[in-house]
Amino acid sequence: MNDKSSYRFFDILVALFVAVLLISNIASTKILTFWKFTFDGGTLLFPLSYIFGDILTEVYGFRRSRRVIWLGFFCALLMSLVLFVVQSLPPAADWPHQQAFENLLGFIPRIVLASLIAYFMGEFSNSVTLSLLKIKTKGKFLWLRTIMSTIIGEGIDTMVFCMVAFYGVLPNNVLWAVILSNYIFKCSIEILFTPLTYLIVNKLKKKEKVDTYDYGVTYNPFKIT
């Protein structure tokens, strides 16, 4: 296995993963309709974070993926705190957009909490599932491993976020419609991107000269060394 410092593409994947996460959080402020689905705008991009998570775990292993997940978590938390501070500071006398800023980017504790908990549980479930299945299948059936890990990870993510954020706010029939729409759309993106995931994984393994199997790895998410 190569030393981490010699990996040529690891930092690029980390940057893209975090960018997707943060952009998705901002895009989520708009609710849109696409065909028969109703979901927040972040849903268009957020499934890519699971694809990046699959690639990181498949190529570099769970331990490095775990550090990236934590990095994304703290970046999302930092963004939320900065937006809260900016929202709380008094606007300039001639700046008339305070209410618009609060409506779009305002700090809503329940939404922020839901987003962070769902991200944490979903991403770690995805990474652990993929890692375990890789050992179980001896590195075969990548398509099965990426789809199964997404079904589990995205299922937990979608359910936790919607229940924490909207339970008691939306009528139950609307809430379950949002959960189902988000879940189907996110899993469909993973399936559609499977050929691209294969291409990127194979290229990275060849270029980086690494294909990590997580034998003996602890899956404790709080052990980040």
Protein backbone atom coordinates (compact mmCIF):
# COMPACT_ATOMS: atom_id res chain seq x y z
CA MET A 1 0.00 0.00 0.00
CA ASN A 2 1.27 3.45 -0.85
CA ASP A 3 1.93 6.01 1.82
CA LYS A 4 -0.93 8.47 2.08
CA SER A 5 1.32 11.36 1.13
CA SER A 6 1.96 9.75 -2.27
CA TYR A 7 -1.69 9.61 -3.31
CA ARG A 8 -2.21 11.93 -6.25
CA PHE A 9 -5.99 12.17 -6.30
CA PHE A 10 -7.07 11.75 -2.68
CA ASP A 11 -7.10 15.48 -1.91
CA ILE A 12 -9.13 16.19 -5.07
CA LEU A 13 -11.79 13.69 -4.02
CA VAL A 14 -11.89 15.17 -0.51
CA ALA A 15 -12.35 18.70 -1.89
CA LEU A 16 -15.14 17.56 -4.22
CA PHE A 17 -16.87 15.61 -1.44
CA VAL A 18 -16.92 18.63 0.89
CA ALA A 19 -17.95 21.00 -1.93
CA VAL A 20 -20.89 18.76 -2.86
CA LEU A 21 -21.97 18.60 0.77
CA LEU A 22 -21.89 22.37 1.34
CA ILE A 23 -23.46 23.30 -2.00
CA SER A 24 -26.23 20.77 -1.37
CA ASN A 25 -27.02 22.33 2.00
CA ILE A 26 -27.43 25.77 0.42
CA ALA A 27 -29.40 24.45 -2.58
CA SER A 28 -31.78 22.73 -0.17
CA THR A 29 -33.41 26.08 0.60
CA LYS A 30 -35.46 25.76 -2.61
CA ILE A 31 -38.24 23.20 -2.95
CA LEU A 32 -38.83 22.12 -6.52
CA THR A 33 -40.86 19.68 -8.57
CA PHE A 34 -39.34 17.36 -11.15
CA TRP A 35 -41.66 15.03 -13.03
CA LYS A 36 -43.67 13.35 -10.23
CA PHE A 37 -41.16 14.07 -7.48
CA THR A 38 -41.16 16.96 -5.02
CA PHE A 39 -37.92 17.57 -3.15
CA ASP A 40 -35.44 20.21 -2.06
CA GLY A 41 -32.87 21.48 -4.55
CA GLY A 42 -29.98 19.90 -2.68
CA THR A 43 -31.29 16.47 -3.63
CA LEU A 44 -30.06 17.08 -7.19
CA LEU A 45 -26.45 17.13 -6.01
CA PHE A 46 -26.35 15.45 -2.60
CA PRO A 47 -26.40 11.86 -3.94
CA LEU A 48 -22.96 12.55 -5.41
CA SER A 49 -21.59 12.74 -1.87
CA TYR A 50 -22.51 9.06 -1.48
CA ILE A 51 -20.82 8.24 -4.77
CA PHE A 52 -17.67 10.02 -3.60
CA GLY A 53 -18.01 8.17 -0.29
CA ASP A 54 -18.21 4.86 -2.15
CA ILE A 55 -15.10 5.70 -4.19
CA LEU A 56 -13.11 6.80 -1.14
CA THR A 57 -14.00 3.69 0.86
CA GLU A 58 -13.53 1.29 -2.06
CA VAL A 59 -10.12 2.62 -3.05
CA TYR A 60 -8.55 4.07 0.11
CA GLY A 61 -10.39 2.16 2.84
CA PHE A 62 -12.71 2.96 5.72
CA ARG A 63 -10.13 4.64 7.95
CA ARG A 64 -9.41 7.38 5.45
CA SER A 65 -13.07 7.64 4.49
CA ARG A 66 -13.92 8.09 8.18
CA ARG A 67 -11.63 11.11 8.40
CA VAL A 68 -13.22 12.62 5.28
CA ILE A 69 -16.72 12.15 6.70
CA TRP A 70 -15.68 13.97 9.86
CA LEU A 71 -14.11 16.73 7.80
CA GLY A 72 -17.38 17.17 5.93
CA PHE A 73 -19.30 17.20 9.21
CA PHE A 74 -17.20 19.97 10.74
CA CYS A 75 -17.27 22.01 7.51
CA ALA A 76 -21.08 21.81 7.45
CA LEU A 77 -21.21 22.79 11.13
CA LEU A 78 -18.84 25.71 10.53
CA MET A 79 -20.96 26.94 7.61
CA SER A 80 -24.10 26.81 9.76
CA LEU A 81 -22.43 28.72 12.60
CA VAL A 82 -21.04 31.40 10.26
CA LEU A 83 -24.45 31.89 8.64
CA PHE A 84 -25.99 32.17 12.11
CA VAL A 85 -23.50 34.85 13.16
CA VAL A 86 -24.00 36.78 9.92
CA GLN A 87 -27.78 36.54 10.32
CA SER A 88 -27.60 37.79 13.91
CA LEU A 89 -25.41 40.80 13.24
CA PRO A 90 -27.34 44.00 12.47
CA PRO A 91 -27.53 44.82 8.75
CA ALA A 92 -26.24 48.05 7.29
CA ALA A 93 -28.83 50.82 7.30
CA ASP A 94 -29.03 50.91 3.51
CA TRP A 95 -29.10 47.11 2.99
CA PRO A 96 -32.76 46.04 2.56
CA HIS A 97 -32.34 42.27 2.20
CA GLN A 98 -32.14 41.07 5.81
CA GLN A 99 -35.49 39.29 5.67
CA ALA A 100 -34.63 37.63 2.34
CA PHE A 101 -31.32 36.45 3.80
CA GLU A 102 -33.07 34.96 6.82
CA ASN A 103 -35.69 33.29 4.63
CA LEU A 104 -33.09 31.57 2.42
CA LEU A 105 -30.00 31.10 4.58
CA GLY A 106 -31.33 31.70 8.07
CA PHE A 107 -30.23 29.48 10.93
CA ILE A 108 -33.09 27.14 11.84
CA PRO A 109 -31.85 24.94 14.72
CA ARG A 110 -34.15 22.00 13.95
CA ILE A 111 -33.12 21.89 10.26
CA VAL A 112 -29.42 22.22 11.07
CA LEU A 113 -29.66 19.49 13.71
CA ALA A 114 -31.56 17.22 11.33
CA SER A 115 -29.02 17.79 8.55
CA LEU A 116 -25.99 17.04 10.73
CA ILE A 117 -27.44 13.94 12.39
CA ALA A 118 -28.71 12.54 9.08
CA TYR A 119 -25.39 13.19 7.36
CA PHE A 120 -23.41 11.55 10.16
CA MET A 121 -25.58 8.44 10.36
CA GLY A 122 -26.11 8.06 6.61
CA GLU A 123 -22.52 8.53 5.47
CA PHE A 124 -21.08 6.20 8.10
CA SER A 125 -23.71 3.56 7.36
CA ASN A 126 -22.85 3.80 3.68
CA SER A 127 -19.10 3.52 4.25
CA VAL A 128 -19.29 0.68 6.76
CA THR A 129 -21.68 -1.31 4.56
CA LEU A 130 -19.45 -0.95 1.51
CA SER A 131 -16.34 -1.89 3.48
CA LEU A 132 -17.92 -5.01 4.99
CA LEU A 133 -19.39 -6.12 1.67
CA LYS A 134 -16.02 -5.72 -0.04
CA ILE A 135 -14.51 -8.21 2.37
CA LYS A 136 -17.54 -10.50 2.14
CA THR A 137 -17.49 -10.54 -1.68
CA LYS A 138 -13.68 -10.57 -1.90
CA GLY A 139 -13.73 -7.41 -3.93
CA LYS A 140 -16.23 -8.64 -6.53
CA PHE A 141 -19.60 -7.20 -7.57
CA LEU A 142 -18.78 -3.52 -7.09
CA TRP A 143 -22.17 -2.60 -8.55
CA LEU A 144 -23.93 -4.64 -5.86
CA ARG A 145 -21.83 -3.14 -3.08
CA THR A 146 -22.33 0.48 -4.15
CA ILE A 147 -26.07 0.06 -4.65
CA MET A 148 -26.60 -1.86 -1.39
CA SER A 149 -24.57 0.63 0.64
CA THR A 150 -26.53 3.50 -0.90
CA ILE A 151 -29.88 1.83 -0.23
CA ILE A 152 -28.92 1.58 3.43
CA GLY A 153 -27.08 4.91 3.79
CA GLU A 154 -29.54 7.03 1.83
CA GLY A 155 -32.45 5.29 3.54
CA ILE A 156 -31.14 6.22 6.98
CA ASP A 157 -30.15 9.72 5.85
CA THR A 158 -33.54 10.49 4.28
CA MET A 159 -35.60 9.03 7.10
CA VAL A 160 -33.63 10.71 9.90
CA PHE A 161 -33.53 14.12 8.21
CA CYS A 162 -37.22 14.23 7.32
CA MET A 163 -38.40 12.90 10.68
CA VAL A 164 -36.20 15.24 12.75
CA ALA A 165 -36.83 18.27 10.52
CA PHE A 166 -40.48 17.90 9.59
CA TYR A 167 -42.29 15.50 11.93
CA GLY A 168 -45.20 17.40 13.45
CA VAL A 169 -44.69 20.24 10.96
CA LEU A 170 -45.91 18.55 7.79
CA PRO A 171 -49.04 16.38 7.62
CA ASN A 172 -48.11 12.71 7.83
CA ASN A 173 -49.20 11.95 4.28
CA VAL A 174 -47.06 14.81 2.93
CA LEU A 175 -44.13 13.80 5.12
CA TRP A 176 -44.14 10.22 3.83
CA ALA A 177 -44.50 11.45 0.25
CA VAL A 178 -41.40 13.65 0.70
CA ILE A 179 -39.45 10.78 2.27
CA LEU A 180 -40.37 8.37 -0.51
CA SER A 181 -39.69 10.88 -3.31
CA ASN A 182 -36.29 11.81 -1.91
CA TYR A 183 -35.30 8.20 -1.31
CA ILE A 184 -36.29 6.96 -4.77
CA PHE A 185 -34.60 9.87 -6.50
CA LYS A 186 -31.33 9.53 -4.53
CA CYS A 187 -31.07 5.78 -5.08
CA SER A 188 -31.87 6.21 -8.78
CA ILE A 189 -28.95 8.64 -9.14
CA GLU A 190 -26.61 6.06 -7.58
CA ILE A 191 -27.80 3.37 -9.99
CA LEU A 192 -27.49 5.65 -13.04
CA PHE A 193 -23.96 6.65 -12.04
CA THR A 194 -22.80 3.05 -11.49
CA PRO A 195 -20.90 2.83 -14.84
CA LEU A 196 -19.08 6.09 -14.03
CA THR A 197 -18.30 4.84 -10.53
CA TYR A 198 -16.76 1.69 -12.04
CA LEU A 199 -14.64 3.80 -14.40
CA ILE A 200 -13.36 6.14 -11.68
CA VAL A 201 -12.66 3.33 -9.19
CA ASN A 202 -10.72 1.27 -11.73
CA LYS A 203 -8.73 4.30 -12.88
CA LEU A 204 -7.88 5.33 -9.33
CA LYS A 205 -6.79 1.84 -8.28
CA LYS A 206 -4.50 1.69 -11.28
CA LYS A 207 -3.08 5.21 -10.90
CA GLU A 208 -2.73 5.14 -7.11
CA LYS A 209 -1.60 1.50 -7.01
CA VAL A 210 -3.89 0.80 -4.07
CA ASP A 211 -6.94 -1.37 -3.41
CA THR A 212 -7.68 -1.38 0.31
CA TYR A 213 -9.40 -4.20 2.19
CA ASP A 214 -10.38 -3.27 5.73
CA TYR A 215 -9.27 -6.42 7.53
CA GLY A 216 -9.05 -5.82 11.27
CA VAL A 217 -10.36 -2.26 11.05
CA THR A 218 -12.54 -0.94 13.85
CA TYR A 219 -15.74 0.63 12.59
CA ASN A 220 -16.08 2.94 15.56
CA PRO A 221 -16.93 6.29 13.89
CA PHE A 222 -15.37 8.25 16.76
CA LYS A 223 -11.91 6.74 16.30
CA ILE A 224 -10.46 9.09 13.70
CA THR A 225 -6.78 8.13 13.83
